[in-house]
Protein backbone atom coordinates (compact mmCIF):
# COMPACT_ATOMS: atom_id res chain seq x y z
CA MET A 1 0.05 0.28 -0.13
CA PRO A 2 1.73 3.41 -1.19
CA PRO A 3 1.94 6.21 1.64
CA ALA A 4 -0.57 8.58 1.20
CA SER A 5 1.43 11.50 -0.32
CA SER A 6 2.15 8.80 -3.48
CA ARG A 7 -0.92 7.55 -3.79
CA SER A 8 -2.65 8.80 -7.32
CA PRO A 9 -5.77 10.13 -7.27
CA LEU A 10 -9.10 7.95 -6.42
CA SER A 11 -10.49 7.17 -10.21
CA ARG A 12 -13.98 8.20 -10.97
CA ILE A 13 -15.40 4.66 -10.51
CA ALA A 14 -13.74 4.64 -6.97
CA LYS A 15 -15.34 7.51 -5.53
CA ALA A 16 -18.15 6.27 -7.13
CA ALA A 17 -18.01 3.15 -5.21
CA LEU A 18 -16.71 5.06 -1.84
CA ALA A 19 -20.01 7.49 -2.05
CA LEU A 20 -22.14 4.41 -2.36
CA ASP A 21 -20.23 1.79 0.51
CA ILE A 22 -21.21 5.08 3.24
CA LEU A 23 -24.29 5.96 1.68
CA LEU A 24 -25.42 2.10 2.54
CA SER A 25 -23.56 2.58 5.52
CA LEU A 26 -24.86 5.12 7.25
CA GLY A 27 -28.77 4.01 6.71
CA ALA A 28 -27.53 0.73 8.06
CA LEU A 29 -26.04 1.91 10.64
CA GLY A 30 -29.16 4.06 11.45
CA GLY A 31 -31.86 1.54 10.70
CA GLY A 32 -29.67 -0.94 12.42
CA ALA A 33 -29.67 0.51 15.83
CA ALA A 34 -33.63 2.14 15.56
CA LEU A 35 -34.12 -1.95 15.40
CA MET A 36 -32.22 -2.76 18.18
CA LEU A 37 -32.81 -0.22 20.21
CA GLY A 38 -36.52 -0.19 19.25
CA PRO A 39 -36.83 -4.30 18.95
CA ARG A 40 -40.92 -4.64 18.84
CA GLY A 41 -41.38 -1.54 16.12
CA GLU A 42 -41.02 1.56 19.00
CA ILE A 43 -38.89 3.40 16.70
CA LEU A 44 -39.39 2.41 12.88
CA PRO A 45 -43.50 1.33 12.87
CA LEU A 46 -42.73 -2.08 11.79
CA PRO A 47 -45.69 -4.65 13.08
CA LEU A 48 -44.28 -8.15 14.85
CA SER A 49 -46.91 -9.76 12.83
CA ALA A 50 -44.46 -9.10 9.53
CA LEU A 51 -41.99 -11.76 11.28
CA SER A 52 -44.47 -15.07 11.38
CA GLY A 53 -42.69 -17.21 9.91
CA SER A 54 -39.30 -16.59 10.88
CA PRO A 55 -36.88 -17.68 13.14
CA PHE A 56 -37.34 -14.07 15.32
CA ASP A 57 -39.82 -12.73 17.37
CA THR A 58 -38.20 -9.42 17.73
CA TYR A 59 -36.34 -6.97 15.14
CA PHE A 60 -33.60 -7.08 17.20
CA VAL A 61 -31.57 -9.87 15.88
CA PRO A 62 -32.35 -8.45 11.93
CA GLY A 63 -31.00 -4.87 13.39
CA LEU A 64 -27.92 -6.83 14.85
CA ILE A 65 -27.31 -8.18 11.36
CA LEU A 66 -28.28 -5.18 9.69
CA PHE A 67 -26.01 -3.16 11.92
CA ALA A 68 -22.97 -5.42 11.41
CA VAL A 69 -22.96 -6.58 7.83
CA LEU A 70 -24.42 -3.59 6.33
CA GLY A 71 -22.99 -1.17 8.65
CA ILE A 72 -20.01 -1.74 9.54
CA GLY A 73 -19.40 -3.92 6.41
CA PRO A 74 -19.34 -1.20 3.90
CA LEU A 75 -17.20 1.28 6.16
CA LEU A 76 -14.61 -1.08 6.18
CA VAL A 77 -14.94 -1.38 2.45
CA ALA A 78 -14.83 1.69 1.91
CA ARG A 79 -11.40 2.16 3.85
CA LEU A 80 -10.25 -0.08 1.52
CA VAL A 81 -11.31 2.07 -1.45
CA TRP A 82 -9.86 5.14 0.17
CA LEU A 83 -6.74 3.37 0.32
CA GLN A 84 -6.46 1.84 -2.83
CA ASN A 85 -6.46 -1.61 -1.79
CA ARG A 86 -6.33 -4.47 -4.84
CA PHE A 87 -9.39 -5.97 -2.57
CA ALA A 88 -11.62 -3.14 -3.03
CA PRO A 89 -13.12 -4.09 -5.96
CA PRO A 90 -14.42 -7.29 -5.49
CA ALA A 91 -14.72 -5.89 -2.27
CA THR A 92 -17.43 -3.99 -3.78
CA VAL A 93 -19.21 -6.64 -5.23
CA VAL A 94 -19.67 -8.36 -2.09
CA VAL A 95 -21.09 -5.24 -0.34
CA GLY A 96 -23.54 -5.40 -3.19
CA ILE A 97 -24.20 -9.00 -3.18
CA ALA A 98 -24.42 -8.85 0.54
CA LEU A 99 -27.40 -5.74 0.37
CA LEU A 100 -29.19 -7.98 -2.33
CA VAL A 101 -29.12 -10.96 -0.48
CA TRP A 102 -30.50 -9.28 2.26
CA LEU A 103 -33.60 -7.83 0.54
CA ALA A 104 -34.31 -11.29 -1.17
CA VAL A 105 -34.56 -13.01 2.16
CA GLU A 106 -36.77 -9.81 3.55
CA ILE A 107 -39.07 -10.09 0.60
CA ALA A 108 -39.41 -14.04 0.83
CA ILE A 109 -39.91 -13.41 4.65
CA VAL A 110 -42.37 -10.26 4.81
CA GLY A 111 -43.00 -10.07 1.04
CA TYR A 112 -42.67 -6.76 -1.68
CA SER A 113 -43.94 -3.69 -1.01
CA ASP A 114 -43.35 -0.15 -2.38
CA ARG A 115 -45.35 1.94 0.49
CA PRO A 116 -42.83 3.08 1.52
CA PRO A 117 -40.45 2.92 -1.35
CA LEU A 118 -37.39 1.15 0.25
CA GLN A 119 -37.20 -1.94 -1.19
CA PRO A 120 -36.98 -0.72 -4.44
CA VAL A 121 -34.63 1.56 -3.51
CA TYR A 122 -32.31 -0.31 -1.83
CA LEU A 123 -32.56 -2.72 -4.43
CA LEU A 124 -31.72 -0.55 -7.00
CA LEU A 125 -28.73 0.44 -4.76
CA GLY A 126 -27.91 -3.37 -4.41
CA ALA A 127 -27.62 -3.52 -8.04
CA THR A 128 -25.83 -0.24 -8.61
CA ILE A 129 -22.92 -0.89 -5.91
CA THR A 130 -23.19 -4.94 -7.65
CA THR A 131 -22.38 -3.67 -11.21
CA VAL A 132 -20.10 -0.55 -10.22
CA GLY A 133 -17.66 -3.01 -8.44
CA LEU A 134 -17.89 -5.56 -11.19
CA VAL A 135 -16.89 -2.88 -13.73
CA TRP A 136 -14.19 -1.83 -11.64
CA GLN A 137 -12.85 -5.23 -11.70
CA ALA A 138 -12.99 -5.39 -15.22
CA SER A 139 -11.90 -2.48 -15.68
CA GLY A 140 -8.50 -2.86 -16.99
CA HIS A 141 -9.62 -6.51 -18.92
CA PRO A 142 -13.54 -5.68 -20.57
CA GLY A 143 -15.12 -8.86 -20.19
CA ASP A 144 -12.92 -11.00 -18.21
CA PHE A 145 -14.72 -11.30 -15.08
CA THR A 146 -18.15 -12.06 -16.85
CA ARG A 147 -16.38 -14.20 -18.68
CA TRP A 148 -15.20 -15.80 -15.80
CA MET A 149 -18.43 -16.10 -13.84
CA TYR A 150 -19.18 -18.41 -16.65
CA ARG A 151 -16.08 -20.32 -17.31
CA GLY A 152 -16.93 -23.25 -19.73
CA GLY A 153 -20.48 -22.29 -20.46
CA ARG A 154 -21.38 -22.55 -16.63
CA PRO A 155 -22.24 -20.42 -13.88
CA ASN A 156 -20.28 -20.38 -11.01
CA ARG A 157 -21.25 -19.86 -7.28
CA LEU A 158 -20.86 -16.36 -7.80
CA ALA A 159 -22.71 -16.50 -11.16
CA ARG A 160 -25.41 -18.44 -9.47
CA LEU A 161 -26.06 -16.28 -6.54
CA LEU A 162 -26.40 -13.03 -9.09
CA ASN A 163 -28.44 -15.41 -10.80
CA GLN A 164 -30.86 -15.71 -7.86
CA VAL A 165 -30.79 -12.68 -6.84
CA GLY A 166 -32.02 -11.27 -10.52
CA ALA A 167 -34.77 -14.02 -10.79
CA THR A 168 -36.22 -12.14 -7.32
CA MET A 169 -35.93 -8.94 -9.00
CA GLY A 170 -37.51 -10.03 -12.33
CA SER A 171 -39.89 -12.21 -10.94
CA SER A 172 -41.53 -9.28 -8.74
CA GLY A 173 -41.38 -6.70 -11.63
CA ILE A 174 -39.12 -4.16 -10.64
CA GLY A 175 -37.26 -4.46 -13.32
CA GLY A 176 -40.37 -3.53 -15.63
CA ASN A 177 -39.88 -5.08 -19.28
CA ARG A 178 -36.19 -5.40 -18.89
CA MET A 179 -36.04 -8.53 -17.07
CA VAL A 180 -38.11 -11.50 -15.81
CA ALA A 181 -37.70 -14.35 -14.35
CA LEU A 182 -37.89 -17.75 -16.65
CA GLU A 183 -39.26 -20.55 -14.86
CA VAL A 184 -39.04 -23.92 -16.15
CA VAL A 185 -39.22 -27.92 -15.02
CA GLY A 186 -35.71 -29.48 -14.88
CA ARG A 187 -35.36 -32.49 -17.52
CA LYS A 188 -33.21 -34.12 -14.83
CA SER A 189 -34.08 -33.33 -10.82
CA GLY A 190 -37.95 -32.32 -11.88
CA ARG A 191 -37.86 -28.99 -10.09
CA VAL A 192 -38.81 -25.98 -11.05
CA ILE A 193 -35.87 -23.79 -12.36
CA SER A 194 -35.91 -20.05 -11.83
CA LEU A 195 -33.25 -17.95 -13.83
CA PRO A 196 -33.25 -13.99 -14.66
CA LEU A 197 -33.10 -13.00 -18.37
CA VAL A 198 -33.68 -9.98 -20.34
CA PRO A 199 -35.87 -10.21 -23.26
CA ALA A 200 -35.65 -8.89 -27.00
CA TYR A 201 -38.71 -6.98 -28.56
CA VAL A 202 -38.53 -6.86 -32.55
CA ASP A 203 -42.13 -6.17 -34.55
CA GLY A 204 -44.06 -6.49 -31.02
CA GLN A 205 -42.71 -9.51 -30.15
CA ARG A 206 -41.02 -11.00 -27.14
CA TYR A 207 -38.12 -13.46 -27.28
CA LEU A 208 -35.45 -14.91 -24.51
CA VAL A 209 -31.84 -15.56 -26.18
CA SER A 210 -29.16 -17.46 -24.95
CA MET A 211 -26.14 -16.01 -24.39
CA LEU A 212 -24.12 -18.82 -23.63
CA GLY A 213 -25.24 -20.84 -27.05
CA GLU A 214 -26.47 -24.20 -26.97
CA ASP A 215 -24.93 -26.05 -24.13
CA VAL A 216 -27.04 -23.97 -21.54
CA ALA A 217 -29.25 -26.04 -19.13
CA TRP A 218 -32.37 -24.05 -19.65
CA VAL A 219 -32.05 -24.28 -23.08
CA ARG A 220 -31.95 -28.21 -23.02
CA ASN A 221 -34.78 -27.97 -20.25
CA VAL A 222 -36.77 -25.89 -22.51
CA ARG A 223 -36.69 -28.32 -25.29
CA ALA A 224 -37.34 -31.50 -22.94
CA ALA A 225 -40.39 -29.64 -21.80
CA GLY A 226 -41.75 -28.84 -25.10
CA GLY A 227 -41.68 -25.19 -24.99
CA ASP A 228 -44.05 -24.81 -22.08
CA ALA A 229 -42.55 -22.25 -19.09
CA VAL A 230 -43.90 -19.80 -16.99
CA LEU A 231 -42.73 -16.21 -17.00
CA ARG A 232 -42.30 -13.76 -13.66
CA HIS A 233 -42.03 -10.12 -14.39
CA GLY A 234 -44.73 -8.55 -11.34
CA ALA A 235 -47.20 -11.33 -12.47
CA ARG A 236 -47.36 -14.91 -13.26
CA GLU A 237 -47.33 -15.78 -17.00
CA LYS A 238 -48.00 -19.01 -18.67
CA VAL A 239 -46.00 -19.16 -22.05
CA ARG A 240 -44.82 -21.74 -25.00
CA LEU A 241 -41.06 -21.30 -26.26
CA GLU A 242 -41.08 -21.40 -29.83
CA GLU A 243 -37.58 -22.07 -30.62
CA VAL A 244 -36.72 -19.37 -33.89
CA SER A 245 -34.81 -20.69 -36.92
CA PRO A 246 -31.03 -19.71 -37.71
CA ALA A 247 -32.41 -17.49 -40.68
CA GLN A 248 -34.96 -15.27 -38.44
CA ARG A 249 -32.31 -14.42 -35.32
CA ALA A 250 -30.37 -11.71 -36.85
CA PRO A 251 -32.41 -8.97 -35.96
CA ILE A 252 -33.62 -10.64 -32.61
CA LEU A 253 -29.94 -10.82 -31.56
CA LYS A 254 -29.10 -7.72 -32.57
CA ASP A 255 -31.76 -5.65 -30.57
CA TYR A 256 -30.55 -8.35 -27.36
CA LEU A 257 -27.17 -7.18 -27.43
CA SER A 258 -28.52 -3.46 -27.38
CA ARG A 259 -30.39 -4.41 -23.87
CA ALA A 260 -28.25 -7.03 -22.28
CA PRO A 261 -24.90 -5.48 -21.58
CA GLY A 262 -23.90 -8.43 -19.58
CA ALA A 263 -24.10 -10.96 -22.82
CA ARG A 264 -21.72 -8.90 -24.61
CA PRO A 265 -18.48 -10.15 -23.31
CA HIS A 266 -20.14 -13.53 -24.91
CA ILE A 267 -21.56 -12.78 -28.18
CA PRO A 268 -18.69 -11.88 -30.31
CA LEU A 269 -19.49 -8.87 -31.50
CA ASP A 270 -20.52 -4.76 -30.95
CA LYS A 271 -23.70 -4.31 -30.19
CA ASP A 272 -23.98 -1.95 -33.89
CA ALA A 273 -22.64 -4.40 -35.90
CA PRO A 274 -24.58 -4.87 -39.17
CA LEU A 275 -27.10 -7.18 -39.38
CA SER A 276 -25.34 -9.43 -42.05
CA GLU A 277 -22.59 -9.82 -39.59
CA PHE A 278 -25.52 -11.07 -36.47
CA ALA A 279 -26.73 -13.75 -39.33
CA LYS A 280 -23.07 -15.26 -39.51
CA ILE A 281 -23.22 -15.94 -35.95
CA ALA A 282 -26.92 -16.83 -35.55
CA ALA A 283 -26.88 -20.51 -35.26
CA SER A 284 -24.79 -20.60 -32.04
CA PHE A 285 -27.40 -18.59 -30.21
CA PRO A 286 -30.81 -20.58 -29.60
CA VAL A 287 -33.44 -17.69 -29.89
CA PHE A 288 -37.01 -18.54 -28.50
CA ARG A 289 -40.55 -16.71 -29.58
CA VAL A 290 -42.63 -16.09 -26.78
CA LEU A 291 -46.26 -17.22 -26.87
CA ALA A 292 -48.72 -16.42 -23.82
CA ILE A 293 -50.87 -19.01 -23.26
CA ALA A 294 -54.32 -17.47 -23.04
CA PRO A 295 -56.24 -17.82 -19.62
CA GLY A 296 -59.35 -20.66 -19.00
CA PRO A 297 -59.54 -23.99 -18.05
CA GLY A 298 -57.42 -26.05 -19.51
CA SER A 299 -57.10 -23.62 -23.00
CA ASP A 300 -53.74 -24.06 -25.17
CA ALA A 301 -54.45 -21.12 -27.20
CA VAL A 302 -51.49 -19.30 -27.67
CA THR A 303 -50.78 -15.50 -28.71
CA SER A 304 -47.64 -13.89 -29.74
CA ALA A 305 -48.70 -10.30 -28.53
CA THR A 306 -46.70 -8.82 -25.74
């Protein structure tokens, strides 16, 4: 670690990480202290009934976790950022993921609420901190970190954790039409598997794209299920996924790449490349048209309307 007099000024992304870490820390320290000092909702107007089904009888332990993990933790990371420690970028990613995991558990226990809009605000903050950390980590080698998370075409533990958080966000509808959670039955396990995806939109129709190509579990599961799946985006929508032929994929891949920055390290084209270039790689990236199944008991009628 260089002495203060010889350290170079913080980069813009380091300053952003520092500000976000401190902002999160201040909110978590205040909220955690309020929950510990008023564990039955004396300070923050939270009903104890919200804890039903959880392992907690009062808000003291959740307040302690909030204070220690999301209050003190980001302060320690902010110090790493200030000292320009080499572990600052991955530590920033961990802080963002910790906040998203906290919120995912909270939503699972007490449900999602945007009145007051604390949950959506902190979900946005967690996603922003995670993104800043990932971009910072990969700033010297664009795309390397993302490719590392999917080395060999399989998500590692960090990618799986981020996918779980993303699926929670997508299913809640927070991402609007920019993110959905796909649910499909695993062909081997028989369990419903959920993962976040960014839809593409071309000529008023929705499409799902496999950024990792053919050898991906969700693609094989969709094919094994005959295209039957569920999309969650604030509501539950039963759909049928119809595979698109390679000859029709080019405009869909181009639209997808413009909407999904996280896919760009995996697809070997610039988002502004001509359609002719996308046509050359189209066979390597499966695309599925989303067909909504019309409501009604036993109905198999489908529609491609968005």
